[in-house]
Amino acid sequence: MDSKKVDIASYVKEGLENGTLTPVVAEKFARIIAVQGNVGDIVTSWSESKEGNEIQEKKDEKVILDEKTNEPGWIATKVDENGEPIIDSHGHLNQWIISDSVFKSKYEKDEENLGLFKPKGGPQVFVQISEDIILNQWGSDMVIDSGGYINITNPDDLYGIQERDFLDTYKIVSGLEKGKTL
């Protein structure tokens, strides 16, 4: 199936208005390993589809200086419940780059598990998509498979996440009625 390239803000607005996207509230529970990168460091982000196929979400994304803090971004790595990096069935680490200001707003050191960071910030609002899409996220294109989610908590910071990664990272705490907006 071919992915449809969408403007994320228009896609979400239209889906909420016509009822094809229904918000759910979820809380992040997953911890990560993170290191502040060096400008120019390159990361390719991988995930897996529901069928176990590899998905190259972002190719050769580079660490850049954050315009707000003038500090380089962070390289985050998904970890299991024991704090060990998760390697998928295709041999890929689940890694991504987060700008310095976004990282500092979303994560803090986990004092009980040195070397790990835990989420902060409380419940977030998502919509689940029912088609394969490509969206421009933080300056580069990202493929999101059908079943994935878009975080709509902050209208100025909409972003996608694969279904598997969502389920490994968030717990749904409540849903909203179809067509109802926040």
N, C-alpha and C. Protein backbone atom coordinates (compact mmCIF):
# COMPACT_ATOMS: atom_id res chain seq x y z
N MET A 1 0.83 -1.19 0.00
CA MET A 1 0.00 0.00 0.00
C MET A 1 0.87 1.24 0.00
N ASP A 2 0.53 2.23 -0.82
CA ASP A 2 1.30 3.46 -0.90
C ASP A 2 0.90 4.42 0.19
N SER A 3 1.88 5.12 0.73
CA SER A 3 1.62 6.12 1.76
C SER A 3 1.20 7.42 1.11
N LYS A 4 0.28 8.12 1.75
CA LYS A 4 -0.23 9.39 1.27
C LYS A 4 0.49 10.50 2.02
N LYS A 5 1.09 11.46 1.27
CA LYS A 5 1.76 12.58 1.92
C LYS A 5 0.70 13.60 2.35
N VAL A 6 0.77 13.99 3.63
CA VAL A 6 -0.24 14.90 4.17
C VAL A 6 0.42 16.08 4.89
N ASP A 7 -0.32 17.18 4.94
CA ASP A 7 0.03 18.29 5.81
C ASP A 7 -0.59 17.93 7.16
N ILE A 8 0.24 17.74 8.17
CA ILE A 8 -0.22 17.19 9.44
C ILE A 8 -1.33 18.03 10.07
N ALA A 9 -1.19 19.36 10.07
CA ALA A 9 -2.20 20.21 10.71
C ALA A 9 -3.54 20.11 9.98
N SER A 10 -3.52 20.16 8.66
CA SER A 10 -4.76 20.05 7.88
C SER A 10 -5.38 18.67 8.04
N TYR A 11 -4.55 17.64 8.01
CA TYR A 11 -5.03 16.26 8.14
C TYR A 11 -5.76 16.07 9.47
N VAL A 12 -5.16 16.56 10.55
CA VAL A 12 -5.77 16.41 11.88
C VAL A 12 -7.05 17.24 11.97
N LYS A 13 -6.99 18.49 11.52
CA LYS A 13 -8.17 19.36 11.59
C LYS A 13 -9.35 18.76 10.84
N GLU A 14 -9.09 18.32 9.62
CA GLU A 14 -10.15 17.72 8.80
C GLU A 14 -10.69 16.44 9.44
N GLY A 15 -9.79 15.59 9.95
CA GLY A 15 -10.21 14.34 10.56
C GLY A 15 -11.04 14.54 11.82
N LEU A 16 -10.69 15.55 12.62
CA LEU A 16 -11.48 15.84 13.82
C LEU A 16 -12.85 16.40 13.44
N GLU A 17 -12.86 17.27 12.42
CA GLU A 17 -14.13 17.87 11.99
C GLU A 17 -15.08 16.85 11.37
N ASN A 18 -14.55 15.93 10.55
CA ASN A 18 -15.45 14.98 9.88
C ASN A 18 -15.65 13.67 10.67
N GLY A 19 -14.99 13.56 11.82
CA GLY A 19 -15.19 12.41 12.69
C GLY A 19 -14.39 11.17 12.34
N THR A 20 -13.46 11.27 11.37
CA THR A 20 -12.64 10.10 11.04
C THR A 20 -11.49 9.91 12.04
N LEU A 21 -11.18 10.95 12.80
CA LEU A 21 -10.15 10.87 13.84
C LEU A 21 -10.82 11.15 15.19
N THR A 22 -10.60 10.26 16.14
CA THR A 22 -11.20 10.39 17.46
C THR A 22 -10.10 10.51 18.50
N PRO A 23 -10.10 11.58 19.30
CA PRO A 23 -9.05 11.75 20.31
C PRO A 23 -9.11 10.73 21.44
N VAL A 24 -7.94 10.35 21.92
CA VAL A 24 -7.80 9.55 23.13
C VAL A 24 -6.74 10.22 24.00
N VAL A 25 -6.86 10.04 25.30
CA VAL A 25 -5.89 10.60 26.23
C VAL A 25 -5.00 9.47 26.71
N ALA A 26 -3.68 9.72 26.67
CA ALA A 26 -2.72 8.69 27.08
C ALA A 26 -1.62 9.32 27.92
N GLU A 27 -1.03 8.49 28.77
CA GLU A 27 0.10 8.93 29.59
C GLU A 27 1.34 8.13 29.22
N LYS A 28 2.44 8.84 29.09
CA LYS A 28 3.72 8.19 28.76
C LYS A 28 4.29 7.54 30.01
N PHE A 29 4.74 6.28 29.85
CA PHE A 29 5.36 5.59 30.98
C PHE A 29 6.78 5.13 30.66
N ALA A 30 7.14 5.05 29.40
CA ALA A 30 8.42 4.47 29.00
C ALA A 30 9.60 5.39 29.30
N ARG A 31 10.67 4.76 29.74
CA ARG A 31 11.93 5.47 29.97
C ARG A 31 12.82 5.33 28.74
N ILE A 32 13.82 6.18 28.64
CA ILE A 32 14.76 6.16 27.51
C ILE A 32 16.19 6.36 28.02
N ILE A 33 17.12 5.98 27.16
CA ILE A 33 18.51 6.39 27.32
C ILE A 33 18.66 7.59 26.40
N ALA A 34 19.37 8.61 26.82
CA ALA A 34 19.58 9.77 25.94
C ALA A 34 20.96 10.37 26.18
N VAL A 35 21.57 10.78 25.09
CA VAL A 35 22.84 11.50 25.16
C VAL A 35 22.73 12.73 24.28
N GLN A 36 23.32 13.81 24.76
CA GLN A 36 23.31 15.01 23.94
C GLN A 36 24.27 14.77 22.78
N GLY A 37 23.78 14.96 21.57
CA GLY A 37 24.57 14.69 20.38
C GLY A 37 25.54 15.81 20.07
N ASN A 38 26.31 15.60 19.03
CA ASN A 38 27.18 16.62 18.47
C ASN A 38 26.57 17.06 17.16
N VAL A 39 26.67 18.34 16.85
CA VAL A 39 26.13 18.85 15.60
C VAL A 39 26.69 18.02 14.45
N GLY A 40 25.79 17.51 13.61
CA GLY A 40 26.19 16.70 12.46
C GLY A 40 26.07 15.20 12.69
N ASP A 41 25.93 14.75 13.97
CA ASP A 41 25.69 13.33 14.21
C ASP A 41 24.46 12.92 13.41
N ILE A 42 24.47 11.70 12.87
CA ILE A 42 23.38 11.22 12.01
C ILE A 42 22.70 10.02 12.64
N VAL A 43 21.36 10.03 12.61
CA VAL A 43 20.56 8.92 13.12
C VAL A 43 19.50 8.59 12.07
N THR A 44 19.34 7.31 11.79
CA THR A 44 18.21 6.84 10.99
C THR A 44 17.25 6.17 11.95
N SER A 45 15.99 6.61 11.92
CA SER A 45 14.97 6.10 12.84
C SER A 45 14.21 4.95 12.20
N TRP A 46 14.10 3.85 12.95
CA TRP A 46 13.42 2.65 12.47
C TRP A 46 12.29 2.26 13.41
N SER A 47 11.32 1.59 12.86
CA SER A 47 10.26 0.97 13.64
C SER A 47 9.81 -0.27 12.89
N GLU A 48 8.76 -0.90 13.38
CA GLU A 48 8.19 -2.07 12.72
C GLU A 48 6.69 -1.88 12.56
N SER A 49 6.15 -2.42 11.48
CA SER A 49 4.71 -2.40 11.26
C SER A 49 4.05 -3.47 12.11
N LYS A 50 2.71 -3.48 12.10
CA LYS A 50 1.96 -4.50 12.84
C LYS A 50 2.34 -5.89 12.36
N GLU A 51 2.69 -6.01 11.08
CA GLU A 51 3.04 -7.30 10.50
C GLU A 51 4.49 -7.68 10.75
N GLY A 52 5.25 -6.79 11.40
CA GLY A 52 6.66 -7.07 11.69
C GLY A 52 7.61 -6.60 10.61
N ASN A 53 7.11 -5.87 9.61
CA ASN A 53 7.98 -5.34 8.55
C ASN A 53 8.71 -4.10 9.06
N GLU A 54 9.94 -3.93 8.60
CA GLU A 54 10.69 -2.76 9.04
C GLU A 54 10.15 -1.51 8.34
N ILE A 55 10.15 -0.40 9.09
CA ILE A 55 9.74 0.89 8.57
C ILE A 55 10.88 1.86 8.83
N GLN A 56 11.42 2.44 7.77
CA GLN A 56 12.42 3.48 7.94
C GLN A 56 11.66 4.79 8.09
N GLU A 57 11.53 5.25 9.33
CA GLU A 57 10.73 6.44 9.60
C GLU A 57 11.42 7.71 9.09
N LYS A 58 12.68 7.86 9.45
CA LYS A 58 13.46 9.03 9.03
C LYS A 58 14.85 8.54 8.65
N LYS A 59 15.36 9.04 7.54
CA LYS A 59 16.67 8.61 7.06
C LYS A 59 17.70 9.73 7.26
N ASP A 60 18.81 9.36 7.86
CA ASP A 60 19.95 10.26 8.01
C ASP A 60 19.58 11.63 8.58
N GLU A 61 18.81 11.62 9.66
CA GLU A 61 18.47 12.86 10.34
C GLU A 61 19.71 13.34 11.09
N LYS A 62 19.98 14.65 11.05
CA LYS A 62 21.19 15.20 11.66
C LYS A 62 20.87 15.97 12.93
N VAL A 63 21.78 15.84 13.90
CA VAL A 63 21.70 16.66 15.10
C VAL A 63 22.07 18.09 14.69
N ILE A 64 21.22 19.03 15.10
CA ILE A 64 21.48 20.44 14.83
C ILE A 64 21.38 21.22 16.13
N LEU A 65 21.79 22.49 16.09
CA LEU A 65 21.65 23.35 17.26
C LEU A 65 20.20 23.76 17.40
N ASP A 66 19.70 23.72 18.61
CA ASP A 66 18.34 24.15 18.92
C ASP A 66 18.32 25.68 18.86
N GLU A 67 17.40 26.25 18.10
CA GLU A 67 17.31 27.70 17.97
C GLU A 67 16.98 28.38 19.29
N LYS A 68 16.26 27.69 20.17
CA LYS A 68 15.85 28.28 21.45
C LYS A 68 16.96 28.26 22.50
N THR A 69 17.78 27.20 22.50
CA THR A 69 18.80 27.06 23.55
C THR A 69 20.23 27.18 23.04
N ASN A 70 20.41 27.12 21.74
CA ASN A 70 21.74 27.12 21.11
C ASN A 70 22.58 25.92 21.55
N GLU A 71 21.89 24.84 21.94
CA GLU A 71 22.54 23.59 22.33
C GLU A 71 22.17 22.51 21.31
N PRO A 72 23.05 21.52 21.11
CA PRO A 72 22.71 20.44 20.17
C PRO A 72 21.58 19.56 20.69
N GLY A 73 20.90 18.89 19.76
CA GLY A 73 19.82 17.98 20.12
C GLY A 73 20.34 16.74 20.81
N TRP A 74 19.40 15.91 21.24
CA TRP A 74 19.68 14.68 21.97
C TRP A 74 19.38 13.48 21.10
N ILE A 75 20.14 12.42 21.28
CA ILE A 75 19.86 11.14 20.62
C ILE A 75 19.24 10.24 21.67
N ALA A 76 17.97 9.90 21.45
CA ALA A 76 17.22 9.08 22.40
C ALA A 76 17.15 7.64 21.90
N THR A 77 17.20 6.70 22.82
CA THR A 77 17.11 5.28 22.50
C THR A 77 16.05 4.65 23.40
N LYS A 78 15.13 3.93 22.77
CA LYS A 78 14.07 3.24 23.50
C LYS A 78 14.69 2.07 24.27
N VAL A 79 14.21 1.87 25.51
CA VAL A 79 14.73 0.79 26.34
C VAL A 79 13.58 -0.09 26.84
N ASP A 80 13.94 -1.31 27.24
CA ASP A 80 12.94 -2.23 27.80
C ASP A 80 12.76 -1.93 29.29
N GLU A 81 11.96 -2.75 29.96
CA GLU A 81 11.66 -2.52 31.38
C GLU A 81 12.90 -2.65 32.26
N ASN A 82 13.97 -3.28 31.77
CA ASN A 82 15.22 -3.41 32.52
C ASN A 82 16.22 -2.31 32.19
N GLY A 83 15.82 -1.38 31.32
CA GLY A 83 16.70 -0.28 30.95
C GLY A 83 17.70 -0.63 29.86
N GLU A 84 17.49 -1.76 29.19
CA GLU A 84 18.38 -2.19 28.12
C GLU A 84 17.85 -1.69 26.77
N PRO A 85 18.74 -1.21 25.87
CA PRO A 85 18.28 -0.75 24.56
C PRO A 85 17.50 -1.84 23.82
N ILE A 86 16.42 -1.42 23.18
CA ILE A 86 15.59 -2.36 22.43
C ILE A 86 16.12 -2.45 21.00
N ILE A 87 16.39 -3.68 20.57
CA ILE A 87 16.80 -3.94 19.19
C ILE A 87 15.67 -4.74 18.56
N ASP A 88 15.15 -4.23 17.42
CA ASP A 88 14.00 -4.90 16.81
C ASP A 88 14.43 -6.16 16.07
N SER A 89 13.46 -6.87 15.52
CA SER A 89 13.74 -8.15 14.86
C SER A 89 14.57 -8.01 13.59
N HIS A 90 14.78 -6.77 13.15
CA HIS A 90 15.61 -6.52 11.96
C HIS A 90 17.00 -6.02 12.34
N GLY A 91 17.29 -5.98 13.65
CA GLY A 91 18.61 -5.58 14.13
C GLY A 91 18.79 -4.08 14.31
N HIS A 92 17.69 -3.32 14.26
CA HIS A 92 17.78 -1.86 14.40
C HIS A 92 17.50 -1.42 15.84
N LEU A 93 18.30 -0.48 16.32
CA LEU A 93 17.98 0.21 17.56
C LEU A 93 16.84 1.18 17.27
N ASN A 94 15.93 1.36 18.22
CA ASN A 94 14.88 2.35 18.06
C ASN A 94 15.43 3.66 18.62
N GLN A 95 15.96 4.50 17.72
CA GLN A 95 16.57 5.77 18.12
C GLN A 95 15.95 6.91 17.33
N TRP A 96 16.04 8.10 17.91
CA TRP A 96 15.56 9.29 17.23
C TRP A 96 16.26 10.49 17.83
N ILE A 97 16.15 11.62 17.14
CA ILE A 97 16.75 12.87 17.61
C ILE A 97 15.65 13.77 18.15
N ILE A 98 15.93 14.39 19.29
CA ILE A 98 15.01 15.34 19.91
C ILE A 98 15.77 16.65 20.10
N SER A 99 15.15 17.76 19.73
CA SER A 99 15.82 19.05 19.96
C SER A 99 16.03 19.24 21.46
N ASP A 100 17.01 20.04 21.82
CA ASP A 100 17.36 20.27 23.23
C ASP A 100 16.17 20.81 24.02
N SER A 101 15.46 21.81 23.49
CA SER A 101 14.35 22.41 24.24
C SER A 101 13.20 21.43 24.41
N VAL A 102 12.89 20.65 23.38
CA VAL A 102 11.81 19.66 23.48
C VAL A 102 12.22 18.57 24.47
N PHE A 103 13.46 18.10 24.38
CA PHE A 103 13.94 17.07 25.31
C PHE A 103 13.77 17.53 26.76
N LYS A 104 14.24 18.74 27.04
CA LYS A 104 14.18 19.24 28.42
C LYS A 104 12.75 19.46 28.90
N SER A 105 11.82 19.69 27.97
CA SER A 105 10.42 19.87 28.38
C SER A 105 9.70 18.53 28.58
N LYS A 106 10.22 17.45 27.99
CA LYS A 106 9.53 16.17 28.03
C LYS A 106 10.18 15.11 28.90
N TYR A 107 11.46 15.28 29.27
CA TYR A 107 12.17 14.25 30.03
C TYR A 107 12.96 14.85 31.18
N GLU A 108 13.17 14.02 32.20
CA GLU A 108 14.02 14.38 33.33
C GLU A 108 14.79 13.13 33.75
N LYS A 109 15.91 13.33 34.46
CA LYS A 109 16.69 12.19 34.93
C LYS A 109 15.85 11.32 35.84
N ASP A 110 16.00 10.03 35.70
CA ASP A 110 15.33 9.06 36.57
C ASP A 110 16.32 8.75 37.69
N GLU A 111 16.13 9.39 38.84
CA GLU A 111 17.08 9.25 39.95
C GLU A 111 17.16 7.82 40.49
N GLU A 112 16.12 7.02 40.27
CA GLU A 112 16.12 5.64 40.73
C GLU A 112 16.80 4.70 39.75
N ASN A 113 17.02 5.14 38.53
CA ASN A 113 17.64 4.33 37.49
C ASN A 113 18.65 5.19 36.75
N LEU A 114 19.85 5.27 37.30
CA LEU A 114 20.88 6.14 36.73
C LEU A 114 21.14 5.80 35.27
N GLY A 115 21.32 6.82 34.47
CA GLY A 115 21.56 6.65 33.04
C GLY A 115 20.29 6.68 32.22
N LEU A 116 19.13 6.65 32.91
CA LEU A 116 17.85 6.68 32.20
C LEU A 116 17.14 8.00 32.43
N PHE A 117 16.25 8.32 31.51
CA PHE A 117 15.41 9.50 31.63
C PHE A 117 13.96 9.05 31.64
N LYS A 118 13.13 9.73 32.44
CA LYS A 118 11.72 9.38 32.51
C LYS A 118 10.89 10.55 31.96
N PRO A 119 9.70 10.24 31.50
CA PRO A 119 8.85 11.28 30.94
C PRO A 119 8.31 12.21 32.02
N LYS A 120 8.03 13.43 31.61
CA LYS A 120 7.34 14.37 32.49
C LYS A 120 6.29 15.10 31.65
N GLY A 121 5.36 15.71 32.30
CA GLY A 121 4.41 16.51 31.54
C GLY A 121 2.97 16.06 31.59
N GLY A 122 2.66 14.89 32.09
CA GLY A 122 1.27 14.47 32.25
C GLY A 122 0.61 13.94 31.00
N PRO A 123 -0.72 13.78 31.07
CA PRO A 123 -1.48 13.19 29.96
C PRO A 123 -1.35 13.98 28.67
N GLN A 124 -1.45 13.24 27.56
CA GLN A 124 -1.37 13.84 26.23
C GLN A 124 -2.53 13.32 25.39
N VAL A 125 -2.86 14.05 24.33
CA VAL A 125 -3.99 13.68 23.49
C VAL A 125 -3.48 13.23 22.12
N PHE A 126 -4.04 12.09 21.65
CA PHE A 126 -3.65 11.49 20.38
C PHE A 126 -4.87 11.17 19.54
N VAL A 127 -4.65 10.99 18.25
CA VAL A 127 -5.64 10.40 17.35
C VAL A 127 -4.95 9.24 16.65
N GLN A 128 -5.70 8.16 16.43
CA GLN A 128 -5.15 7.00 15.72
C GLN A 128 -5.55 7.11 14.25
N ILE A 129 -4.59 6.84 13.35
CA ILE A 129 -4.86 6.96 11.92
C ILE A 129 -5.22 5.60 11.32
N SER A 130 -5.96 5.64 10.22
CA SER A 130 -6.42 4.39 9.60
C SER A 130 -5.87 4.20 8.19
N GLU A 131 -4.81 4.95 7.87
CA GLU A 131 -4.18 4.82 6.56
C GLU A 131 -2.69 5.11 6.70
N ASP A 132 -1.90 4.64 5.74
CA ASP A 132 -0.47 4.92 5.73
C ASP A 132 -0.26 6.36 5.27
N ILE A 133 0.50 7.14 6.03
CA ILE A 133 0.74 8.53 5.66
C ILE A 133 2.22 8.87 5.76
N ILE A 134 2.58 9.95 5.09
CA ILE A 134 3.90 10.56 5.22
C ILE A 134 3.63 11.98 5.68
N LEU A 135 4.25 12.37 6.78
CA LEU A 135 4.07 13.74 7.25
C LEU A 135 5.42 14.39 7.48
N ASN A 136 5.44 15.71 7.35
CA ASN A 136 6.67 16.44 7.61
C ASN A 136 6.69 16.74 9.10
N GLN A 137 7.70 16.19 9.75
CA GLN A 137 7.80 16.30 11.20
C GLN A 137 9.17 16.85 11.56
N TRP A 138 9.19 18.00 12.17
CA TRP A 138 10.43 18.64 12.61
C TRP A 138 11.44 18.76 11.47
N GLY A 139 10.95 19.11 10.27
CA GLY A 139 11.83 19.40 9.16
C GLY A 139 12.17 18.23 8.26
N SER A 140 11.67 17.02 8.55
CA SER A 140 11.94 15.90 7.65
C SER A 140 10.70 15.02 7.55
N ASP A 141 10.60 14.29 6.44
CA ASP A 141 9.45 13.43 6.21
C ASP A 141 9.53 12.19 7.09
N MET A 142 8.36 11.75 7.59
CA MET A 142 8.27 10.55 8.42
C MET A 142 7.09 9.72 7.94
N VAL A 143 7.33 8.43 7.79
CA VAL A 143 6.28 7.49 7.39
C VAL A 143 5.60 6.97 8.66
N ILE A 144 4.26 7.04 8.68
CA ILE A 144 3.47 6.49 9.79
C ILE A 144 2.49 5.49 9.18
N ASP A 145 2.60 4.23 9.61
CA ASP A 145 1.71 3.17 9.12
C ASP A 145 0.30 3.32 9.68
N SER A 146 -0.66 2.79 8.96
CA SER A 146 -2.04 2.69 9.44
C SER A 146 -2.02 2.06 10.83
N GLY A 147 -2.78 2.63 11.75
CA GLY A 147 -2.78 2.15 13.14
C GLY A 147 -1.90 3.01 14.03
N GLY A 148 -1.03 3.82 13.41
CA GLY A 148 -0.18 4.72 14.17
C GLY A 148 -0.99 5.86 14.77
N TYR A 149 -0.32 6.73 15.49
CA TYR A 149 -0.97 7.82 16.20
C TYR A 149 -0.32 9.15 15.86
N ILE A 150 -1.10 10.22 16.02
CA ILE A 150 -0.58 11.59 15.93
C ILE A 150 -0.85 12.24 17.28
N ASN A 151 0.19 12.82 17.88
CA ASN A 151 0.04 13.54 19.13
C ASN A 151 -0.51 14.93 18.79
N ILE A 152 -1.69 15.25 19.33
CA ILE A 152 -2.34 16.53 19.04
C ILE A 152 -2.44 17.41 20.28
N THR A 153 -1.68 17.10 21.32
CA THR A 153 -1.73 17.85 22.58
C THR A 153 -1.44 19.32 22.36
N ASN A 154 -0.40 19.61 21.60
CA ASN A 154 0.02 20.98 21.34
C ASN A 154 -0.14 21.23 19.84
N PRO A 155 -1.08 22.09 19.43
CA PRO A 155 -1.30 22.35 18.00
C PRO A 155 -0.06 22.85 17.26
N ASP A 156 0.90 23.41 18.01
CA ASP A 156 2.14 23.90 17.39
C ASP A 156 3.23 22.83 17.34
N ASP A 157 2.95 21.63 17.87
CA ASP A 157 3.93 20.55 17.90
C ASP A 157 3.24 19.21 17.66
N LEU A 158 2.58 19.08 16.50
CA LEU A 158 1.92 17.83 16.14
C LEU A 158 2.98 16.86 15.63
N TYR A 159 2.91 15.59 16.06
CA TYR A 159 3.88 14.62 15.56
C TYR A 159 3.30 13.22 15.59
N GLY A 160 3.88 12.34 14.76
CA GLY A 160 3.39 10.98 14.62
C GLY A 160 4.25 9.97 15.37
N ILE A 161 3.64 8.81 15.63
CA ILE A 161 4.33 7.71 16.29
C ILE A 161 3.70 6.40 15.79
N GLN A 162 4.52 5.42 15.48
CA GLN A 162 4.02 4.13 15.02
C GLN A 162 3.20 3.47 16.11
N GLU A 163 2.25 2.61 15.72
CA GLU A 163 1.38 1.94 16.68
C GLU A 163 2.19 1.13 17.70
N ARG A 164 3.15 0.35 17.23
CA ARG A 164 3.95 -0.47 18.14
C ARG A 164 4.68 0.40 19.15
N ASP A 165 5.25 1.51 18.68
CA ASP A 165 5.99 2.39 19.57
C ASP A 165 5.04 3.09 20.56
N PHE A 166 3.84 3.44 20.08
CA PHE A 166 2.85 4.03 20.96
C PHE A 166 2.50 3.07 22.10
N LEU A 167 2.21 1.82 21.73
CA LEU A 167 1.82 0.83 22.74
C LEU A 167 2.95 0.51 23.72
N ASP A 168 4.20 0.62 23.26
CA ASP A 168 5.36 0.39 24.13
C ASP A 168 5.66 1.60 25.02
N THR A 169 5.04 2.74 24.72
CA THR A 169 5.41 4.00 25.36
C THR A 169 4.29 4.62 26.18
N TYR A 170 3.05 4.43 25.75
CA TYR A 170 1.90 5.11 26.37
C TYR A 170 0.85 4.12 26.86
N LYS A 171 0.08 4.58 27.82
CA LYS A 171 -1.09 3.85 28.31
C LYS A 171 -2.30 4.76 28.09
N ILE A 172 -3.31 4.25 27.36
CA ILE A 172 -4.52 5.04 27.14
C ILE A 172 -5.29 5.09 28.45
N VAL A 173 -5.64 6.32 28.86
CA VAL A 173 -6.37 6.49 30.12
C VAL A 173 -7.83 6.88 29.90
N SER A 174 -8.15 7.44 28.74
CA SER A 174 -9.56 7.73 28.42
C SER A 174 -9.71 8.09 26.95
N GLY A 175 -10.91 7.89 26.45
CA GLY A 175 -11.23 8.27 25.08
C GLY A 175 -12.24 9.40 25.10
N LEU A 176 -12.44 10.01 23.96
CA LEU A 176 -13.43 11.06 23.84
C LEU A 176 -14.48 10.63 22.84
N GLU A 177 -15.65 11.20 22.94
CA GLU A 177 -16.71 10.85 22.00
C GLU A 177 -16.31 11.26 20.59
N LYS A 178 -16.71 10.46 19.62
CA LYS A 178 -16.40 10.72 18.22
C LYS A 178 -16.88 12.11 17.82
N GLY A 179 -16.00 12.86 17.17
CA GLY A 179 -16.36 14.18 16.69
C GLY A 179 -16.22 15.29 17.71
N LYS A 180 -15.96 14.94 18.97
CA LYS A 180 -15.83 15.95 20.03
C LYS A 180 -14.40 16.45 20.07
N THR A 181 -14.21 17.74 20.17
CA THR A 181 -12.87 18.32 20.23
C THR A 181 -12.57 18.76 21.66
N LEU A 182 -11.31 19.02 21.89
CA LEU A 182 -10.90 19.42 23.24
C LEU A 182 -11.11 20.88 23.50
